[in-house]
């Protein structure tokens, strides 16, 4: 039981510690590098022949766009014209797949390659559509975020892919080394990243001028509903063998990207939506890891119990 709690504890505890230590936001420059390290380890085990575009990748992109637009319209209607709350919901729901999604799937024993392809389609697709959606939602337009998206994807995704191919070309044995020696400890890098993200979230929250508890409750409950819908709809959309991967692609969001967009093109209040989502989707990731670890331990126990009689067969029985 306690061993099964070890993996999710590495998610929840650092996040809450970071929320109590706003000065951790000073290490924000490390987030991208930590992602590069984690994704490099994941890419070392990928056969790029498995990077194929699937039909459900496009379904997930369409669902992401639909949820973003419909959630914004619904929030505008329910909140009685409170555009700040509606914007917070929009920037949460429209967020593309998180750069850490392939890493999480690796920890959960899923197909990293299909999530990696889904991430590329999601981030590129959502970024292109935001060019037309942002003027409608915010009433203004700025092309700086296009450069930000390109640099984010090129640095966080292209660099690990390129390095993994170069390293494997010269040292093929690194694939097994990454899988069996590094992967079991890679979650610590994610823990450090969540510690920093928690500090960044606290710093951003402290800068808000919002004191109305009602607004915070509205944004928190709305983003929780969006989180549940994303993971559930992703599971429904995904084919039988890729339910977990599909759910993760739609549910785990690149909130750091939309926090930047919200602060740059809308308002600090709008950034509260993605900030709340950090708590929601990482909490679900922790539950997933707890369940996965319990199943893994159960399978290991069943294997040991089934093999035990073979070694002790006839030990306590007289021979006739």
C-alpha atoms as a PDB file:
ATOM      1  CA  UNK A   1       0.000   0.000   0.000  1.00  0.00           C
ATOM      2  CA  UNK A   2       2.663   2.521   1.065  1.00  0.00           C
ATOM      3  CA  UNK A   3       4.905   1.534  -1.815  1.00  0.00           C
ATOM      4  CA  UNK A   4       2.061   2.180  -4.253  1.00  0.00           C
ATOM      5  CA  UNK A   5       1.695   5.672  -2.803  1.00  0.00           C
ATOM      6  CA  UNK A   6       5.344   6.461  -3.529  1.00  0.00           C
ATOM      7  CA  UNK A   7       4.945   7.455  -7.183  1.00  0.00           C
ATOM      8  CA  UNK A   8       1.879   9.748  -6.789  1.00  0.00           C
ATOM      9  CA  UNK A   9       3.468  11.278  -3.678  1.00  0.00           C
ATOM     10  CA  UNK A  10       6.299  12.489  -5.923  1.00  0.00           C
ATOM     11  CA  UNK A  11       3.658  14.516  -7.812  1.00  0.00           C
ATOM     12  CA  UNK A  12       1.333  15.888  -5.142  1.00  0.00           C
ATOM     13  CA  UNK A  13       3.883  16.701  -2.403  1.00  0.00           C
ATOM     14  CA  UNK A  14       6.271  18.788  -4.582  1.00  0.00           C
ATOM     15  CA  UNK A  15       3.324  20.670  -6.092  1.00  0.00           C
ATOM     16  CA  UNK A  16       1.952  21.670  -2.680  1.00  0.00           C
ATOM     17  CA  UNK A  17       5.411  22.497  -1.328  1.00  0.00           C
ATOM     18  CA  UNK A  18       5.934  24.759  -4.350  1.00  0.00           C
ATOM     19  CA  UNK A  19       2.624  26.492  -3.635  1.00  0.00           C
ATOM     20  CA  UNK A  20       4.020  27.342  -0.185  1.00  0.00           C
ATOM     21  CA  UNK A  21       7.372  28.530  -1.553  1.00  0.00           C
ATOM     22  CA  UNK A  22       6.776  31.316  -4.088  1.00  0.00           C
ATOM     23  CA  UNK A  23      10.519  31.988  -4.327  1.00  0.00           C
ATOM     24  CA  UNK A  24      10.834  28.688  -6.225  1.00  0.00           C
ATOM     25  CA  UNK A  25       9.561  30.633  -9.245  1.00  0.00           C
ATOM     26  CA  UNK A  26      13.078  32.072  -9.556  1.00  0.00           C
ATOM     27  CA  UNK A  27      14.104  28.689 -10.963  1.00  0.00           C
ATOM     28  CA  UNK A  28      11.536  28.897 -13.775  1.00  0.00           C
ATOM     29  CA  UNK A  29      14.348  28.768 -16.352  1.00  0.00           C
ATOM     30  CA  UNK A  30      14.914  25.119 -15.344  1.00  0.00           C
ATOM     31  CA  UNK A  31      11.452  23.928 -16.420  1.00  0.00           C
ATOM     32  CA  UNK A  32      12.295  23.630 -20.108  1.00  0.00           C
ATOM     33  CA  UNK A  33      15.602  21.923 -19.391  1.00  0.00           C
ATOM     34  CA  UNK A  34      13.941  19.402 -17.088  1.00  0.00           C
ATOM     35  CA  UNK A  35      11.396  18.643 -19.807  1.00  0.00           C
ATOM     36  CA  UNK A  36      14.208  18.196 -22.312  1.00  0.00           C
ATOM     37  CA  UNK A  37      15.958  15.731 -20.008  1.00  0.00           C
ATOM     38  CA  UNK A  38      12.777  13.711 -19.375  1.00  0.00           C
ATOM     39  CA  UNK A  39      11.758  13.667 -23.030  1.00  0.00           C
ATOM     40  CA  UNK A  40      15.279  12.747 -24.119  1.00  0.00           C
ATOM     41  CA  UNK A  41      15.103   9.706 -21.889  1.00  0.00           C
ATOM     42  CA  UNK A  42      11.699   8.802 -23.351  1.00  0.00           C
ATOM     43  CA  UNK A  43      12.871   9.355 -26.938  1.00  0.00           C
ATOM     44  CA  UNK A  44      15.842   7.049 -26.469  1.00  0.00           C
ATOM     45  CA  UNK A  45      13.391   4.160 -26.278  1.00  0.00           C
ATOM     46  CA  UNK A  46      11.259   5.171 -29.272  1.00  0.00           C
ATOM     47  CA  UNK A  47      11.407   3.461 -32.632  1.00  0.00           C
ATOM     48  CA  UNK A  48      10.511   6.298 -34.973  1.00  0.00           C
ATOM     49  CA  UNK A  49       8.898   3.873 -37.374  1.00  0.00           C
ATOM     50  CA  UNK A  50       6.096   3.853 -34.801  1.00  0.00           C
ATOM     51  CA  UNK A  51       5.490   7.598 -35.135  1.00  0.00           C
ATOM     52  CA  UNK A  52       2.373   7.420 -37.263  1.00  0.00           C
ATOM     53  CA  UNK A  53      -0.531   9.830 -37.524  1.00  0.00           C
ATOM     54  CA  UNK A  54      -3.749   8.104 -36.490  1.00  0.00           C
ATOM     55  CA  UNK A  55      -7.289   9.171 -37.239  1.00  0.00           C
ATOM     56  CA  UNK A  56      -8.083   9.635 -33.570  1.00  0.00           C
ATOM     57  CA  UNK A  57      -5.273  12.222 -33.341  1.00  0.00           C
ATOM     58  CA  UNK A  58      -7.395  14.492 -35.545  1.00  0.00           C
ATOM     59  CA  UNK A  59     -10.524  13.674 -33.536  1.00  0.00           C
ATOM     60  CA  UNK A  60      -8.709  14.753 -30.368  1.00  0.00           C
ATOM     61  CA  UNK A  61      -7.588  18.003 -31.999  1.00  0.00           C
ATOM     62  CA  UNK A  62     -11.174  18.730 -33.077  1.00  0.00           C
ATOM     63  CA  UNK A  63     -12.437  17.898 -29.578  1.00  0.00           C
ATOM     64  CA  UNK A  64      -9.857  20.202 -28.008  1.00  0.00           C
ATOM     65  CA  UNK A  65     -10.940  23.092 -30.220  1.00  0.00           C
ATOM     66  CA  UNK A  66     -14.649  22.402 -29.698  1.00  0.00           C
ATOM     67  CA  UNK A  67     -14.310  22.212 -25.908  1.00  0.00           C
ATOM     68  CA  UNK A  68     -12.313  25.459 -25.852  1.00  0.00           C
ATOM     69  CA  UNK A  69     -14.852  27.439 -27.880  1.00  0.00           C
ATOM     70  CA  UNK A  70     -18.004  25.906 -26.339  1.00  0.00           C
ATOM     71  CA  UNK A  71     -16.682  26.230 -22.776  1.00  0.00           C
ATOM     72  CA  UNK A  72     -15.946  29.907 -23.405  1.00  0.00           C
ATOM     73  CA  UNK A  73     -19.434  30.558 -24.833  1.00  0.00           C
ATOM     74  CA  UNK A  74     -21.092  28.652 -21.984  1.00  0.00           C
ATOM     75  CA  UNK A  75     -19.049  30.558 -19.387  1.00  0.00           C
ATOM     76  CA  UNK A  76     -20.020  33.881 -21.003  1.00  0.00           C
ATOM     77  CA  UNK A  77     -23.679  32.913 -20.721  1.00  0.00           C
ATOM     78  CA  UNK A  78     -23.587  31.462 -17.189  1.00  0.00           C
ATOM     79  CA  UNK A  79     -21.402  34.187 -15.686  1.00  0.00           C
ATOM     80  CA  UNK A  80     -23.687  36.974 -16.821  1.00  0.00           C
ATOM     81  CA  UNK A  81     -21.176  38.815 -18.930  1.00  0.00           C
ATOM     82  CA  UNK A  82     -18.180  38.367 -16.640  1.00  0.00           C
ATOM     83  CA  UNK A  83     -15.664  38.145 -19.454  1.00  0.00           C
ATOM     84  CA  UNK A  84     -12.706  37.628 -17.103  1.00  0.00           C
ATOM     85  CA  UNK A  85     -14.101  34.330 -15.828  1.00  0.00           C
ATOM     86  CA  UNK A  86     -15.029  33.332 -19.366  1.00  0.00           C
ATOM     87  CA  UNK A  87     -11.497  34.093 -20.563  1.00  0.00           C
ATOM     88  CA  UNK A  88     -10.055  32.008 -17.712  1.00  0.00           C
ATOM     89  CA  UNK A  89     -12.210  29.091 -18.832  1.00  0.00           C
ATOM     90  CA  UNK A  90     -11.223  29.596 -22.471  1.00  0.00           C
ATOM     91  CA  UNK A  91      -7.476  29.644 -21.843  1.00  0.00           C
ATOM     92  CA  UNK A  92      -7.859  26.501 -19.754  1.00  0.00           C
ATOM     93  CA  UNK A  93     -10.000  24.523 -22.181  1.00  0.00           C
ATOM     94  CA  UNK A  94      -8.106  25.526 -25.321  1.00  0.00           C
ATOM     95  CA  UNK A  95      -4.717  24.489 -23.890  1.00  0.00           C
ATOM     96  CA  UNK A  96      -2.934  21.951 -26.123  1.00  0.00           C
ATOM     97  CA  UNK A  97      -1.393  18.702 -24.932  1.00  0.00           C
ATOM     98  CA  UNK A  98       1.306  19.109 -22.298  1.00  0.00           C
ATOM     99  CA  UNK A  99       4.936  18.628 -23.223  1.00  0.00           C
ATOM    100  CA  UNK A 100       5.176  16.224 -20.275  1.00  0.00           C
ATOM    101  CA  UNK A 101       2.397  13.938 -21.586  1.00  0.00           C
ATOM    102  CA  UNK A 102       4.837  11.491 -23.265  1.00  0.00           C
ATOM    103  CA  UNK A 103       6.782  11.353 -20.004  1.00  0.00           C
ATOM    104  CA  UNK A 104       3.670  10.549 -17.968  1.00  0.00           C
ATOM    105  CA  UNK A 105       2.618   7.848 -20.419  1.00  0.00           C
ATOM    106  CA  UNK A 106       6.083   6.312 -20.112  1.00  0.00           C
ATOM    107  CA  UNK A 107       5.599   6.125 -16.322  1.00  0.00           C
ATOM    108  CA  UNK A 108       2.161   4.524 -16.844  1.00  0.00           C
ATOM    109  CA  UNK A 109       3.501   1.906 -19.260  1.00  0.00           C
ATOM    110  CA  UNK A 110       1.678   3.313 -22.310  1.00  0.00           C
ATOM    111  CA  UNK A 111       2.707   3.926 -25.916  1.00  0.00           C
ATOM    112  CA  UNK A 112       5.074   6.907 -25.870  1.00  0.00           C
ATOM    113  CA  UNK A 113       5.330   7.158 -29.662  1.00  0.00           C
ATOM    114  CA  UNK A 114       1.600   7.685 -30.249  1.00  0.00           C
ATOM    115  CA  UNK A 115       1.463  10.322 -27.496  1.00  0.00           C
ATOM    116  CA  UNK A 116       4.505  12.076 -28.940  1.00  0.00           C
ATOM    117  CA  UNK A 117       2.798  12.316 -32.338  1.00  0.00           C
ATOM    118  CA  UNK A 118      -0.444  13.443 -30.706  1.00  0.00           C
ATOM    119  CA  UNK A 119       1.437  16.142 -28.819  1.00  0.00           C
ATOM    120  CA  UNK A 120       2.969  17.511 -32.029  1.00  0.00           C
ATOM    121  CA  UNK A 121      -0.408  17.594 -33.804  1.00  0.00           C
ATOM    122  CA  UNK A 122      -2.129  19.184 -30.802  1.00  0.00           C
ATOM    123  CA  UNK A 123       0.406  21.936 -30.150  1.00  0.00           C
ATOM    124  CA  UNK A 124       0.844  22.844 -33.810  1.00  0.00           C
ATOM    125  CA  UNK A 125      -2.883  22.654 -34.575  1.00  0.00           C
ATOM    126  CA  UNK A 126      -4.049  24.625 -31.527  1.00  0.00           C
ATOM    127  CA  UNK A 127      -1.377  27.256 -32.086  1.00  0.00           C
ATOM    128  CA  UNK A 128      -2.524  27.800 -35.680  1.00  0.00           C
ATOM    129  CA  UNK A 129      -6.182  28.070 -34.678  1.00  0.00           C
ATOM    130  CA  UNK A 130      -5.355  30.490 -31.860  1.00  0.00           C
ATOM    131  CA  UNK A 131      -4.275  32.992 -34.506  1.00  0.00           C
ATOM    132  CA  UNK A 132      -7.939  33.353 -35.413  1.00  0.00           C
ATOM    133  CA  UNK A 133      -9.462  32.651 -31.987  1.00  0.00           C
ATOM    134  CA  UNK A 134      -7.454  35.083 -29.863  1.00  0.00           C
ATOM    135  CA  UNK A 135      -8.746  38.241 -31.576  1.00  0.00           C
ATOM    136  CA  UNK A 136     -12.329  37.075 -30.956  1.00  0.00           C
ATOM    137  CA  UNK A 137     -11.795  36.232 -27.294  1.00  0.00           C
ATOM    138  CA  UNK A 138      -9.461  39.073 -26.285  1.00  0.00           C
ATOM    139  CA  UNK A 139     -10.307  41.730 -28.845  1.00  0.00           C
ATOM    140  CA  UNK A 140      -6.655  42.175 -29.777  1.00  0.00           C
ATOM    141  CA  UNK A 141      -3.971  40.441 -31.785  1.00  0.00           C
ATOM    142  CA  UNK A 142      -0.230  40.042 -31.324  1.00  0.00           C
ATOM    143  CA  UNK A 143       2.046  37.808 -33.395  1.00  0.00           C
ATOM    144  CA  UNK A 144       4.603  37.368 -30.625  1.00  0.00           C
ATOM    145  CA  UNK A 145       2.952  34.201 -29.392  1.00  0.00           C
ATOM    146  CA  UNK A 146       3.556  32.540 -32.782  1.00  0.00           C
ATOM    147  CA  UNK A 147       7.296  32.893 -32.245  1.00  0.00           C
ATOM    148  CA  UNK A 148       6.894  31.726 -28.644  1.00  0.00           C
ATOM    149  CA  UNK A 149       5.067  28.583 -29.772  1.00  0.00           C
ATOM    150  CA  UNK A 150       7.660  27.803 -32.416  1.00  0.00           C
ATOM    151  CA  UNK A 151      10.570  28.250 -30.009  1.00  0.00           C
ATOM    152  CA  UNK A 152       8.809  26.191 -27.332  1.00  0.00           C
ATOM    153  CA  UNK A 153       8.180  23.242 -29.663  1.00  0.00           C
ATOM    154  CA  UNK A 154      11.577  23.445 -31.341  1.00  0.00           C
ATOM    155  CA  UNK A 155      13.429  23.539 -28.040  1.00  0.00           C
ATOM    156  CA  UNK A 156      11.368  21.129 -25.953  1.00  0.00           C
ATOM    157  CA  UNK A 157      10.541  18.601 -28.684  1.00  0.00           C
ATOM    158  CA  UNK A 158      12.992  18.894 -31.576  1.00  0.00           C
ATOM    159  CA  UNK A 159      16.097  19.027 -29.385  1.00  0.00           C
ATOM    160  CA  UNK A 160      15.389  15.764 -27.483  1.00  0.00           C
ATOM    161  CA  UNK A 161      14.429  13.979 -30.708  1.00  0.00           C
ATOM    162  CA  UNK A 162      17.580  15.146 -32.478  1.00  0.00           C
ATOM    163  CA  UNK A 163      19.853  14.311 -29.557  1.00  0.00           C
ATOM    164  CA  UNK A 164      18.305  10.860 -29.113  1.00  0.00           C
ATOM    165  CA  UNK A 165      18.932   9.968 -32.768  1.00  0.00           C
ATOM    166  CA  UNK A 166      22.535  11.184 -32.596  1.00  0.00           C
ATOM    167  CA  UNK A 167      23.260   9.346 -29.343  1.00  0.00           C
ATOM    168  CA  UNK A 168      21.673   6.089 -30.519  1.00  0.00           C
ATOM    169  CA  UNK A 169      23.592   6.252 -33.784  1.00  0.00           C
ATOM    170  CA  UNK A 170      26.908   6.168 -31.931  1.00  0.00           C
ATOM    171  CA  UNK A 171      25.861   4.257 -28.794  1.00  0.00           C
ATOM    172  CA  UNK A 172      22.862   1.927 -29.472  1.00  0.00           C
ATOM    173  CA  UNK A 173      23.149   0.437 -25.983  1.00  0.00           C
ATOM    174  CA  UNK A 174      21.799   3.708 -24.543  1.00  0.00           C
ATOM    175  CA  UNK A 175      18.261   2.559 -25.397  1.00  0.00           C
ATOM    176  CA  UNK A 176      18.395  -0.250 -22.817  1.00  0.00           C
ATOM    177  CA  UNK A 177      20.372   1.881 -20.378  1.00  0.00           C
ATOM    178  CA  UNK A 178      17.695   4.614 -20.467  1.00  0.00           C
ATOM    179  CA  UNK A 179      14.885   2.082 -20.092  1.00  0.00           C
ATOM    180  CA  UNK A 180      16.269   0.034 -17.216  1.00  0.00           C
ATOM    181  CA  UNK A 181      18.670   2.366 -15.395  1.00  0.00           C
ATOM    182  CA  UNK A 182      17.380   5.928 -15.870  1.00  0.00           C
ATOM    183  CA  UNK A 183      13.604   5.534 -16.375  1.00  0.00           C
ATOM    184  CA  UNK A 184      12.898   4.217 -12.829  1.00  0.00           C
ATOM    185  CA  UNK A 185      14.363   7.447 -11.406  1.00  0.00           C
ATOM    186  CA  UNK A 186      13.159   9.909 -14.050  1.00  0.00           C
ATOM    187  CA  UNK A 187      10.097  10.857 -12.002  1.00  0.00           C
ATOM    188  CA  UNK A 188      12.355  12.829  -9.664  1.00  0.00           C
ATOM    189  CA  UNK A 189      13.020  15.295 -12.485  1.00  0.00           C
ATOM    190  CA  UNK A 190       9.276  15.725 -12.858  1.00  0.00           C
ATOM    191  CA  UNK A 191       8.975  16.268  -9.092  1.00  0.00           C
ATOM    192  CA  UNK A 192      11.493  19.116  -9.273  1.00  0.00           C
ATOM    193  CA  UNK A 193       9.604  20.605 -12.217  1.00  0.00           C
ATOM    194  CA  UNK A 194       6.299  20.491 -10.296  1.00  0.00           C
ATOM    195  CA  UNK A 195       8.003  22.127  -7.327  1.00  0.00           C
ATOM    196  CA  UNK A 196       9.010  25.018  -9.567  1.00  0.00           C
ATOM    197  CA  UNK A 197       5.595  25.190 -11.266  1.00  0.00           C
ATOM    198  CA  UNK A 198       3.957  25.328  -7.841  1.00  0.00           C
ATOM    199  CA  UNK A 199       6.137  28.305  -6.941  1.00  0.00           C
ATOM    200  CA  UNK A 200       5.296  29.984 -10.258  1.00  0.00           C
ATOM    201  CA  UNK A 201       1.585  29.402  -9.649  1.00  0.00           C
ATOM    202  CA  UNK A 202       1.806  30.903  -6.148  1.00  0.00           C
ATOM    203  CA  UNK A 203       3.715  33.948  -7.414  1.00  0.00           C
ATOM    204  CA  UNK A 204       1.170  34.579 -10.159  1.00  0.00           C
ATOM    205  CA  UNK A 205      -1.699  34.087  -7.738  1.00  0.00           C
ATOM    206  CA  UNK A 206      -0.210  36.532  -5.214  1.00  0.00           C
ATOM    207  CA  UNK A 207      -0.058  39.211  -7.904  1.00  0.00           C
ATOM    208  CA  UNK A 208      -3.790  39.002  -8.588  1.00  0.00           C
ATOM    209  CA  UNK A 209      -6.056  41.812  -7.539  1.00  0.00           C
ATOM    210  CA  UNK A 210      -8.981  39.440  -7.242  1.00  0.00           C
ATOM    211  CA  UNK A 211     -10.332  39.113  -3.728  1.00  0.00           C
ATOM    212  CA  UNK A 212     -13.835  37.906  -4.533  1.00  0.00           C
ATOM    213  CA  UNK A 213     -14.179  34.313  -3.336  1.00  0.00           C
ATOM    214  CA  UNK A 214     -17.087  33.846  -5.731  1.00  0.00           C
ATOM    215  CA  UNK A 215     -14.887  34.457  -8.766  1.00  0.00           C
ATOM    216  CA  UNK A 216     -12.265  32.025  -7.499  1.00  0.00           C
ATOM    217  CA  UNK A 217     -14.934  29.394  -6.888  1.00  0.00           C
ATOM    218  CA  UNK A 218     -16.363  29.947 -10.356  1.00  0.00           C
ATOM    219  CA  UNK A 219     -12.986  29.554 -12.053  1.00  0.00           C
ATOM    220  CA  UNK A 220     -11.968  26.596  -9.879  1.00  0.00           C
ATOM    221  CA  UNK A 221     -15.188  24.639 -10.370  1.00  0.00           C
ATOM    222  CA  UNK A 222     -15.353  25.414 -14.094  1.00  0.00           C
ATOM    223  CA  UNK A 223     -11.778  24.258 -14.714  1.00  0.00           C
ATOM    224  CA  UNK A 224     -12.394  21.097 -12.668  1.00  0.00           C
ATOM    225  CA  UNK A 225     -15.390  20.324 -14.894  1.00  0.00           C
ATOM    226  CA  UNK A 226     -13.243  20.924 -17.989  1.00  0.00           C
ATOM    227  CA  UNK A 227     -10.564  18.588 -16.619  1.00  0.00           C
ATOM    228  CA  UNK A 228     -13.045  15.766 -15.978  1.00  0.00           C
ATOM    229  CA  UNK A 229     -14.605  16.248 -19.418  1.00  0.00           C
ATOM    230  CA  UNK A 230     -11.216  16.179 -21.152  1.00  0.00           C
ATOM    231  CA  UNK A 231      -9.982  12.940 -19.614  1.00  0.00           C
ATOM    232  CA  UNK A 232     -13.375  11.264 -20.038  1.00  0.00           C
ATOM    233  CA  UNK A 233     -13.928  12.369 -23.635  1.00  0.00           C
ATOM    234  CA  UNK A 234     -10.369  11.422 -24.558  1.00  0.00           C
ATOM    235  CA  UNK A 235     -11.026   7.921 -23.228  1.00  0.00           C
ATOM    236  CA  UNK A 236     -14.224   7.688 -25.286  1.00  0.00           C
ATOM    237  CA  UNK A 237     -12.586   8.943 -28.491  1.00  0.00           C
ATOM    238  CA  UNK A 238      -9.562   6.667 -28.273  1.00  0.00           C
ATOM    239  CA  UNK A 239      -9.591   3.223 -29.916  1.00  0.00           C
ATOM    240  CA  UNK A 240      -9.636   0.139 -27.705  1.00  0.00           C
ATOM    241  CA  UNK A 241      -5.856  -0.237 -27.492  1.00  0.00           C
ATOM    242  CA  UNK A 242      -5.119   3.480 -26.977  1.00  0.00           C
ATOM    243  CA  UNK A 243      -7.687   4.556 -24.389  1.00  0.00           C
ATOM    244  CA  UNK A 244      -5.089   5.625 -21.852  1.00  0.00           C
ATOM    245  CA  UNK A 245      -2.979   7.497 -24.400  1.00  0.00           C
ATOM    246  CA  UNK A 246      -5.997   9.273 -25.901  1.00  0.00           C
ATOM    247  CA  UNK A 247      -7.291  10.319 -22.489  1.00  0.00           C
ATOM    248  CA  UNK A 248      -3.881  11.698 -21.552  1.00  0.00           C
ATOM    249  CA  UNK A 249      -3.537  13.598 -24.833  1.00  0.00           C
ATOM    250  CA  UNK A 250      -6.783  15.477 -24.271  1.00  0.00           C
ATOM    251  CA  UNK A 251      -6.639  15.756 -20.484  1.00  0.00           C
ATOM    252  CA  UNK A 252      -3.052  16.723 -19.678  1.00  0.00           C
ATOM    253  CA  UNK A 253      -2.639  20.343 -20.709  1.00  0.00           C
ATOM    254  CA  UNK A 254       0.272  22.624 -21.546  1.00  0.00           C
ATOM    255  CA  UNK A 255      -0.803  25.176 -18.940  1.00  0.00           C
ATOM    256  CA  UNK A 256       2.531  27.002 -18.900  1.00  0.00           C
ATOM    257  CA  UNK A 257       1.873  27.984 -22.526  1.00  0.00           C
ATOM    258  CA  UNK A 258      -1.668  29.254 -21.903  1.00  0.00           C
ATOM    259  CA  UNK A 259      -0.657  31.042 -18.700  1.00  0.00           C
ATOM    260  CA  UNK A 260       1.779  32.991 -20.864  1.00  0.00           C
ATOM    261  CA  UNK A 261      -0.948  33.705 -23.438  1.00  0.00           C
ATOM    262  CA  UNK A 262      -3.462  34.741 -20.784  1.00  0.00           C
ATOM    263  CA  UNK A 263      -1.097  37.175 -19.069  1.00  0.00           C
ATOM    264  CA  UNK A 264       0.220  38.560 -22.371  1.00  0.00           C
ATOM    265  CA  UNK A 265      -3.002  38.888 -24.357  1.00  0.00           C
ATOM    266  CA  UNK A 266      -5.798  38.990 -21.743  1.00  0.00           C
ATOM    267  CA  UNK A 267      -5.365  39.635 -18.009  1.00  0.00           C
ATOM    268  CA  UNK A 268      -3.793  38.095 -14.898  1.00  0.00           C
ATOM    269  CA  UNK A 269      -7.263  36.972 -13.808  1.00  0.00           C
ATOM    270  CA  UNK A 270      -7.581  34.879 -16.950  1.00  0.00           C
ATOM    271  CA  UNK A 271      -4.348  33.096 -15.973  1.00  0.00           C
ATOM    272  CA  UNK A 272      -6.083  31.718 -12.877  1.00  0.00           C
ATOM    273  CA  UNK A 273      -7.858  29.146 -15.062  1.00  0.00           C
ATOM    274  CA  UNK A 274      -4.709  27.322 -16.216  1.00  0.00           C
ATOM    275  CA  UNK A 275      -3.287  27.727 -12.696  1.00  0.00           C
ATOM    276  CA  UNK A 276      -6.222  25.806 -11.220  1.00  0.00           C
ATOM    277  CA  UNK A 277      -5.879  23.212 -13.966  1.00  0.00           C
ATOM    278  CA  UNK A 278      -2.297  22.475 -12.843  1.00  0.00           C
ATOM    279  CA  UNK A 279      -3.754  21.168  -9.581  1.00  0.00           C
ATOM    280  CA  UNK A 280      -6.585  19.205 -11.209  1.00  0.00           C
ATOM    281  CA  UNK A 281      -4.690  17.314 -13.915  1.00  0.00           C
ATOM    282  CA  UNK A 282      -1.668  16.593 -11.727  1.00  0.00           C
ATOM    283  CA  UNK A 283      -3.982  15.224  -9.032  1.00  0.00           C
ATOM    284  CA  UNK A 284      -5.493  12.849 -11.589  1.00  0.00           C
ATOM    285  CA  UNK A 285      -2.013  11.867 -12.785  1.00  0.00           C
ATOM    286  CA  UNK A 286      -1.144  11.002  -9.183  1.00  0.00           C
ATOM    287  CA  UNK A 287      -4.249   8.809  -8.894  1.00  0.00           C
ATOM    288  CA  UNK A 288      -3.357   7.098 -12.169  1.00  0.00           C
ATOM    289  CA  UNK A 289       0.137   6.323 -10.949  1.00  0.00           C
ATOM    290  CA  UNK A 290      -1.214   4.978  -7.657  1.00  0.00           C
ATOM    291  CA  UNK A 291      -3.583   2.648  -9.516  1.00  0.00           C
ATOM    292  CA  UNK A 292      -0.865   1.573 -11.977  1.00  0.00           C
ATOM    293  CA  UNK A 293       1.591   0.827  -9.166  1.00  0.00           C
ATOM    294  CA  UNK A 294      -1.031  -1.226  -7.311  1.00  0.00           C
ATOM    295  CA  UNK A 295      -1.776  -3.277 -10.432  1.00  0.00           C
ATOM    296  CA  UNK A 296       1.923  -3.793 -11.042  1.00  0.00           C
ATOM    297  CA  UNK A 297       2.467  -4.987  -7.493  1.00  0.00           C
ATOM    298  CA  UNK A 298      -0.563  -7.276  -7.746  1.00  0.00           C
ATOM    299  CA  UNK A 299       0.764  -8.863 -10.934  1.00  0.00           C
ATOM    300  CA  UNK A 300       4.169  -9.305  -9.318  1.00  0.00           C
ATOM    301  CA  UNK A 301       2.593 -10.935  -6.244  1.00  0.00           C
ATOM    302  CA  UNK A 302       0.500 -13.273  -8.416  1.00  0.00           C
ATOM    303  CA  UNK A 303       3.592 -14.294 -10.372  1.00  0.00           C
ATOM    304  CA  UNK A 304       5.549 -15.048  -7.213  1.00  0.00           C
ATOM    305  CA  UNK A 305       2.689 -17.004  -5.643  1.00  0.00           C
ATOM    306  CA  UNK A 306       2.157 -19.058  -8.795  1.00  0.00           C
ATOM    307  CA  UNK A 307       5.852 -19.926  -9.046  1.00  0.00           C
ATOM    308  CA  UNK A 308       6.311 -20.745  -5.354  1.00  0.00           C
ATOM    309  CA  UNK A 309       4.664 -24.229  -5.386  1.00  0.00           C
ATOM    310  CA  UNK A 310       6.929 -25.308  -8.206  1.00  0.00           C
ATOM    311  CA  UNK A 311      10.027 -24.850  -6.094  1.00  0.00           C
ATOM    312  CA  UNK A 312       8.489 -26.476  -3.052  1.00  0.00           C
ATOM    313  CA  UNK A 313       6.459 -29.194  -4.700  1.00  0.00           C
ATOM    314  CA  UNK A 314       6.335 -32.275  -2.534  1.00  0.00           C
ATOM    315  CA  UNK A 315       8.235 -30.601   0.252  1.00  0.00           C
ATOM    316  CA  UNK A 316       5.631 -31.338   2.883  1.00  0.00           C
ATOM    317  CA  UNK A 317       4.104 -34.510   1.390  1.00  0.00           C
ATOM    318  CA  UNK A 318       5.229 -38.094   1.988  1.00  0.00           C
ATOM    319  CA  UNK A 319       6.163 -40.190  -0.995  1.00  0.00           C
ATOM    320  CA  UNK A 320       4.378 -43.458  -1.600  1.00  0.00           C
END
